[in-house]
Protein backbone atom coordinates (compact mmCIF):
# COMPACT_ATOMS: atom_id res chain seq x y z
CA ALA A 1 5.84 -4.83 0.85
CA ALA A 2 7.67 -7.96 -0.25
CA CYS A 3 4.45 -9.96 -0.03
CA GLU A 4 2.23 -7.37 -1.72
CA SER A 5 4.45 -6.17 -4.56
CA GLY A 6 7.67 -8.14 -4.50
CA GLY A 7 9.25 -5.01 -3.00
CA ARG A 8 8.66 -2.96 -6.17
CA PRO A 9 7.44 0.60 -5.49
CA ASP A 10 6.13 0.93 -9.07
CA ALA A 11 4.16 -2.34 -9.05
CA VAL A 12 0.60 -2.36 -10.41
CA ASP A 13 -1.72 -5.35 -10.13
CA PRO A 14 -2.99 -6.99 -13.35
CA SER A 15 -6.36 -5.21 -13.11
CA GLY A 16 -4.65 -1.81 -12.86
CA THR A 17 -6.56 -1.04 -9.65
CA TYR A 18 -3.92 -1.45 -6.96
CA GLY A 19 -0.45 0.06 -6.99
CA GLY A 20 2.78 0.59 -5.15
CA LEU A 21 4.69 -1.34 -2.53
CA TYR A 22 1.56 -1.98 -0.47
CA GLN A 23 -0.95 -2.20 -3.35
CA PHE A 24 -3.06 0.81 -2.41
CA ASP A 25 -6.34 1.42 -4.19
CA PRO A 26 -6.72 5.04 -5.34
CA ALA A 27 -9.39 5.99 -2.78
CA THR A 28 -7.38 4.67 0.14
CA TRP A 29 -4.23 6.39 -1.12
CA ARG A 30 -6.07 9.73 -1.30
CA SER A 31 -7.68 9.22 2.12
CA LEU A 32 -4.19 8.97 3.57
CA GLY A 33 -3.14 12.27 2.00
CA GLY A 34 -1.49 10.84 -1.08
CA THR A 35 -1.67 12.59 -4.42
CA GLY A 36 -1.43 11.03 -7.84
CA THR A 37 -1.02 7.28 -7.59
CA ALA A 38 0.86 5.25 -5.02
CA GLN A 39 3.08 3.63 -7.64
CA ASP A 40 4.34 7.07 -8.71
CA ALA A 41 5.26 8.11 -5.16
CA PRO A 42 8.68 7.48 -3.59
CA ALA A 43 8.99 4.27 -1.57
CA ALA A 44 9.47 6.23 1.67
CA GLU A 45 6.17 8.05 1.15
CA GLN A 46 4.39 4.78 0.41
CA THR A 47 5.74 3.28 3.63
CA PHE A 48 4.74 6.38 5.62
CA ARG A 49 1.18 6.16 4.32
CA ALA A 50 1.02 2.37 4.84
CA LYS A 51 1.98 2.88 8.48
CA LYS A 52 -0.81 5.46 8.84
CA LEU A 53 -3.24 2.96 7.34
CA TYR A 54 -2.03 0.22 9.69
CA VAL A 55 -2.59 2.50 12.71
CA ARG A 56 -6.14 3.22 11.50
CA ARG A 57 -7.23 -0.23 10.37
CA GLY A 58 -4.69 -2.82 11.46
CA ALA A 59 -3.82 -5.58 9.01
CA SER A 60 -7.32 -5.79 7.48
CA PRO A 61 -6.47 -3.80 4.30
CA TRP A 62 -4.06 -6.60 3.38
CA PRO A 63 -6.20 -9.75 3.74
CA HIS A 64 -3.54 -12.16 2.47
CA CYS A 65 -0.27 -10.51 3.49
CA GLY A 66 -1.58 -8.89 6.69
CA ARG A 67 -1.33 -12.23 8.47
CA ARG A 68 2.44 -11.86 8.30
CA LEU A 69 2.44 -8.62 10.29
CA GLY A 70 3.25 -8.79 13.98
CA GLY A 71 1.16 -6.65 16.24
């Protein structure tokens, strides 16, 4: 989260596409059961959904910051 958003749950990238602690795109957020946008969800929910995504796809959704994750 620190790498993706500076640890800010309400972060949105400059394009307005990715949001939240882990910079979810809207389709991925919804596929994980999220409603609304990631940046509007509590930090704990964002982390819960990021862990689900990691279990499904490993570090690949985070091409730059994923290298920092231990497996």
